[in-house]
């Protein structure tokens, strides 16, 4: 499957959030929908691969101690377990 080179933010919870997709590495497979070799009228779809592989390069542009949006909700927001 194809993979990306990205730039993003590293949050205090450990999550890396992509802010910019810089480049794509093509897997050259006719069965990957992101590949340049995938046919526009592919007879095998929807069985073709629809996900990217893990990023081949991640560049952290910003580090923050704050939690990402999802973790903030679950650990400090409305989704957090109520204390007695």
N, C-alpha and C. Protein backbone atom coordinates (compact mmCIF):
# COMPACT_ATOMS: atom_id res chain seq x y z
N UNK A 1 0.83 -1.18 0.00
CA UNK A 1 0.00 0.00 0.00
C UNK A 1 0.88 1.24 0.00
N UNK A 2 0.34 2.32 -0.49
CA UNK A 2 1.05 3.59 -0.53
C UNK A 2 1.25 4.12 0.89
N UNK A 3 2.24 4.99 1.06
CA UNK A 3 2.48 5.60 2.36
C UNK A 3 2.82 7.08 2.18
N UNK A 4 2.74 7.83 3.27
CA UNK A 4 2.90 9.27 3.22
C UNK A 4 4.11 9.75 4.01
N UNK A 5 4.61 10.91 3.63
CA UNK A 5 5.57 11.66 4.44
C UNK A 5 4.79 12.86 4.95
N UNK A 6 4.72 13.02 6.27
CA UNK A 6 3.84 14.03 6.86
C UNK A 6 4.57 14.95 7.82
N UNK A 7 3.91 16.06 8.12
CA UNK A 7 4.32 16.97 9.19
C UNK A 7 3.15 17.07 10.15
N UNK A 8 3.43 17.22 11.45
CA UNK A 8 2.33 17.27 12.39
C UNK A 8 2.71 17.72 13.78
N UNK A 9 1.74 17.65 14.66
CA UNK A 9 1.88 18.09 16.04
C UNK A 9 1.94 16.89 16.97
N UNK A 10 2.91 16.88 17.88
CA UNK A 10 3.03 15.84 18.91
C UNK A 10 2.38 16.36 20.18
N UNK A 11 1.33 15.71 20.64
CA UNK A 11 0.59 16.14 21.83
C UNK A 11 1.11 15.45 23.08
N UNK A 12 0.77 16.00 24.23
CA UNK A 12 1.19 15.47 25.52
C UNK A 12 0.65 14.08 25.80
N UNK A 13 -0.45 13.71 25.18
CA UNK A 13 -1.03 12.37 25.35
C UNK A 13 -0.29 11.32 24.52
N UNK A 14 0.62 11.78 23.65
CA UNK A 14 1.39 10.86 22.82
C UNK A 14 0.91 10.76 21.39
N UNK A 15 -0.25 11.31 21.08
CA UNK A 15 -0.77 11.24 19.73
C UNK A 15 -0.08 12.22 18.79
N UNK A 16 0.17 11.77 17.57
CA UNK A 16 0.74 12.60 16.51
C UNK A 16 -0.40 12.93 15.57
N UNK A 17 -0.71 14.22 15.39
CA UNK A 17 -1.80 14.65 14.53
C UNK A 17 -1.21 15.31 13.29
N UNK A 18 -1.56 14.77 12.13
CA UNK A 18 -1.03 15.27 10.86
C UNK A 18 -1.62 16.65 10.57
N UNK A 19 -0.74 17.60 10.24
CA UNK A 19 -1.18 18.93 9.84
C UNK A 19 -0.93 19.16 8.36
N UNK A 20 0.01 18.39 7.77
CA UNK A 20 0.30 18.57 6.35
C UNK A 20 0.84 17.27 5.76
N UNK A 21 0.29 16.87 4.63
CA UNK A 21 0.79 15.72 3.89
C UNK A 21 1.77 16.25 2.85
N UNK A 22 3.05 15.91 3.00
CA UNK A 22 4.11 16.49 2.18
C UNK A 22 4.29 15.72 0.88
N UNK A 23 4.29 14.40 0.97
CA UNK A 23 4.64 13.57 -0.18
C UNK A 23 3.98 12.21 -0.05
N UNK A 24 3.80 11.53 -1.18
CA UNK A 24 3.25 10.17 -1.18
C UNK A 24 4.25 9.24 -1.84
N UNK A 25 4.49 8.09 -1.21
CA UNK A 25 5.34 7.06 -1.81
C UNK A 25 4.40 6.03 -2.44
N UNK A 26 4.50 5.89 -3.75
CA UNK A 26 3.60 5.01 -4.50
C UNK A 26 4.06 3.55 -4.39
N UNK A 27 3.12 2.66 -4.09
CA UNK A 27 3.43 1.24 -3.96
C UNK A 27 3.43 0.52 -5.31
N UNK A 28 2.96 1.19 -6.34
CA UNK A 28 2.91 0.66 -7.72
C UNK A 28 2.06 -0.59 -7.84
N UNK A 29 1.01 -0.68 -7.06
CA UNK A 29 0.10 -1.83 -7.10
C UNK A 29 -1.20 -1.44 -7.79
N UNK A 30 -1.66 -2.28 -8.67
CA UNK A 30 -2.93 -2.01 -9.35
C UNK A 30 -4.13 -2.26 -8.43
N UNK A 31 -3.88 -2.83 -7.24
CA UNK A 31 -4.95 -3.13 -6.29
C UNK A 31 -5.02 -2.14 -5.13
N UNK A 32 -4.30 -1.03 -5.22
CA UNK A 32 -4.31 0.03 -4.21
C UNK A 32 -4.96 1.27 -4.83
N UNK A 33 -6.02 1.79 -4.22
CA UNK A 33 -6.75 2.90 -4.84
C UNK A 33 -5.96 4.19 -4.85
N UNK A 34 -4.89 4.32 -4.06
CA UNK A 34 -4.08 5.53 -4.02
C UNK A 34 -2.91 5.50 -5.00
N UNK A 35 -2.66 4.34 -5.61
CA UNK A 35 -1.55 4.18 -6.53
C UNK A 35 -1.88 4.76 -7.91
N UNK A 36 -0.85 5.27 -8.57
CA UNK A 36 -1.02 5.76 -9.94
C UNK A 36 -1.30 4.61 -10.91
N UNK A 37 -1.02 3.39 -10.51
CA UNK A 37 -1.24 2.22 -11.34
C UNK A 37 -2.65 1.64 -11.21
N UNK A 38 -3.45 2.18 -10.31
CA UNK A 38 -4.83 1.71 -10.12
C UNK A 38 -5.70 2.21 -11.26
N UNK A 39 -6.42 1.31 -11.87
CA UNK A 39 -7.27 1.65 -13.01
C UNK A 39 -8.47 2.49 -12.56
N UNK A 40 -8.85 3.46 -13.40
CA UNK A 40 -10.00 4.31 -13.08
C UNK A 40 -11.29 3.49 -13.04
N UNK A 41 -11.39 2.51 -13.90
CA UNK A 41 -12.57 1.63 -13.95
C UNK A 41 -12.17 0.21 -13.54
N UNK A 42 -11.69 0.09 -12.32
CA UNK A 42 -11.15 -1.17 -11.81
C UNK A 42 -12.27 -2.19 -11.59
N UNK A 43 -12.15 -3.39 -12.20
CA UNK A 43 -13.16 -4.42 -12.01
C UNK A 43 -13.08 -5.11 -10.64
N UNK A 44 -11.99 -4.90 -9.90
CA UNK A 44 -11.79 -5.56 -8.61
C UNK A 44 -12.33 -4.76 -7.43
N UNK A 45 -12.59 -3.47 -7.61
CA UNK A 45 -13.14 -2.65 -6.52
C UNK A 45 -14.50 -3.20 -6.13
N UNK A 46 -14.93 -3.25 -4.92
CA UNK A 46 -14.39 -2.59 -3.73
C UNK A 46 -13.40 -3.42 -2.94
N UNK A 47 -12.77 -4.44 -3.54
CA UNK A 47 -11.82 -5.28 -2.82
C UNK A 47 -10.41 -4.71 -2.82
N UNK A 48 -10.20 -3.60 -3.51
CA UNK A 48 -8.87 -2.98 -3.53
C UNK A 48 -8.56 -2.34 -2.18
N UNK A 49 -7.27 -2.23 -1.87
CA UNK A 49 -6.83 -1.65 -0.60
C UNK A 49 -7.19 -0.18 -0.54
N UNK A 50 -7.79 0.25 0.57
CA UNK A 50 -8.30 1.62 0.72
C UNK A 50 -7.63 2.41 1.83
N UNK A 51 -6.53 1.89 2.36
CA UNK A 51 -5.84 2.56 3.46
C UNK A 51 -4.37 2.74 3.12
N UNK A 52 -3.78 3.78 3.69
CA UNK A 52 -2.35 3.99 3.55
C UNK A 52 -1.61 3.12 4.55
N UNK A 53 -0.37 2.74 4.21
CA UNK A 53 0.52 2.12 5.18
C UNK A 53 0.92 3.18 6.20
N UNK A 54 1.56 2.79 7.30
CA UNK A 54 2.06 3.80 8.24
C UNK A 54 2.98 4.78 7.52
N UNK A 55 3.02 6.02 7.99
CA UNK A 55 3.85 7.05 7.37
C UNK A 55 5.30 6.58 7.28
N UNK A 56 5.94 6.82 6.13
CA UNK A 56 7.34 6.44 6.02
C UNK A 56 8.24 7.51 6.64
N UNK A 57 7.70 8.71 6.90
CA UNK A 57 8.45 9.75 7.58
C UNK A 57 7.48 10.70 8.27
N UNK A 58 7.70 10.96 9.55
CA UNK A 58 6.89 11.91 10.31
C UNK A 58 7.81 13.00 10.86
N UNK A 59 7.52 14.24 10.51
CA UNK A 59 8.30 15.37 11.00
C UNK A 59 7.44 16.14 12.00
N UNK A 60 7.90 16.20 13.25
CA UNK A 60 7.17 16.92 14.28
C UNK A 60 7.51 18.39 14.16
N UNK A 61 6.50 19.22 13.86
CA UNK A 61 6.70 20.66 13.70
C UNK A 61 6.38 21.41 14.99
N UNK A 62 5.50 20.85 15.82
CA UNK A 62 5.11 21.49 17.09
C UNK A 62 4.97 20.41 18.16
N UNK A 63 5.52 20.68 19.35
CA UNK A 63 5.31 19.81 20.51
C UNK A 63 4.50 20.60 21.53
N UNK A 64 3.47 19.96 22.09
CA UNK A 64 2.64 20.62 23.08
C UNK A 64 2.33 19.66 24.22
N UNK A 65 2.17 20.18 25.43
CA UNK A 65 1.80 19.34 26.58
C UNK A 65 0.30 19.11 26.64
N UNK A 66 -0.46 19.85 25.85
CA UNK A 66 -1.92 19.70 25.84
C UNK A 66 -2.31 18.37 25.20
N UNK A 67 -3.44 17.81 25.64
CA UNK A 67 -3.96 16.59 25.04
C UNK A 67 -4.58 16.92 23.68
N UNK A 68 -4.66 15.94 22.80
CA UNK A 68 -5.36 16.12 21.53
C UNK A 68 -6.86 16.23 21.82
N UNK A 69 -7.63 16.59 20.82
CA UNK A 69 -9.06 16.83 21.00
C UNK A 69 -9.79 15.62 21.58
N UNK A 70 -9.52 14.43 21.06
CA UNK A 70 -10.20 13.23 21.55
C UNK A 70 -9.83 12.89 22.99
N UNK A 71 -8.56 12.97 23.32
CA UNK A 71 -8.14 12.65 24.69
C UNK A 71 -8.64 13.70 25.67
N UNK A 72 -8.68 14.95 25.27
CA UNK A 72 -9.19 16.01 26.14
C UNK A 72 -10.63 15.71 26.53
N UNK A 73 -11.43 15.26 25.57
CA UNK A 73 -12.83 14.91 25.83
C UNK A 73 -12.92 13.76 26.84
N UNK A 74 -12.13 12.70 26.63
CA UNK A 74 -12.24 11.50 27.47
C UNK A 74 -11.59 11.64 28.84
N UNK A 75 -10.55 12.44 28.96
CA UNK A 75 -9.85 12.54 30.24
C UNK A 75 -10.21 13.77 31.05
N UNK A 76 -10.66 14.85 30.39
CA UNK A 76 -10.96 16.09 31.12
C UNK A 76 -12.33 16.66 30.79
N UNK A 77 -12.97 16.19 29.74
CA UNK A 77 -14.23 16.77 29.29
C UNK A 77 -15.45 15.96 29.69
N UNK A 78 -16.47 16.01 28.84
CA UNK A 78 -17.75 15.36 29.12
C UNK A 78 -17.67 13.86 29.20
N UNK A 79 -16.68 13.23 28.58
CA UNK A 79 -16.55 11.78 28.60
C UNK A 79 -15.80 11.25 29.81
N UNK A 80 -15.26 12.14 30.61
CA UNK A 80 -14.46 11.72 31.77
C UNK A 80 -15.32 11.07 32.84
N UNK A 81 -14.73 10.13 33.55
CA UNK A 81 -15.42 9.46 34.66
C UNK A 81 -15.60 10.47 35.79
N UNK A 82 -16.80 10.56 36.29
CA UNK A 82 -17.10 11.49 37.38
C UNK A 82 -16.51 10.99 38.69
N UNK A 83 -15.91 11.91 39.42
CA UNK A 83 -15.33 11.56 40.72
C UNK A 83 -16.38 11.77 41.81
N UNK A 84 -16.32 10.95 42.84
CA UNK A 84 -17.28 11.04 43.94
C UNK A 84 -16.86 12.02 44.97
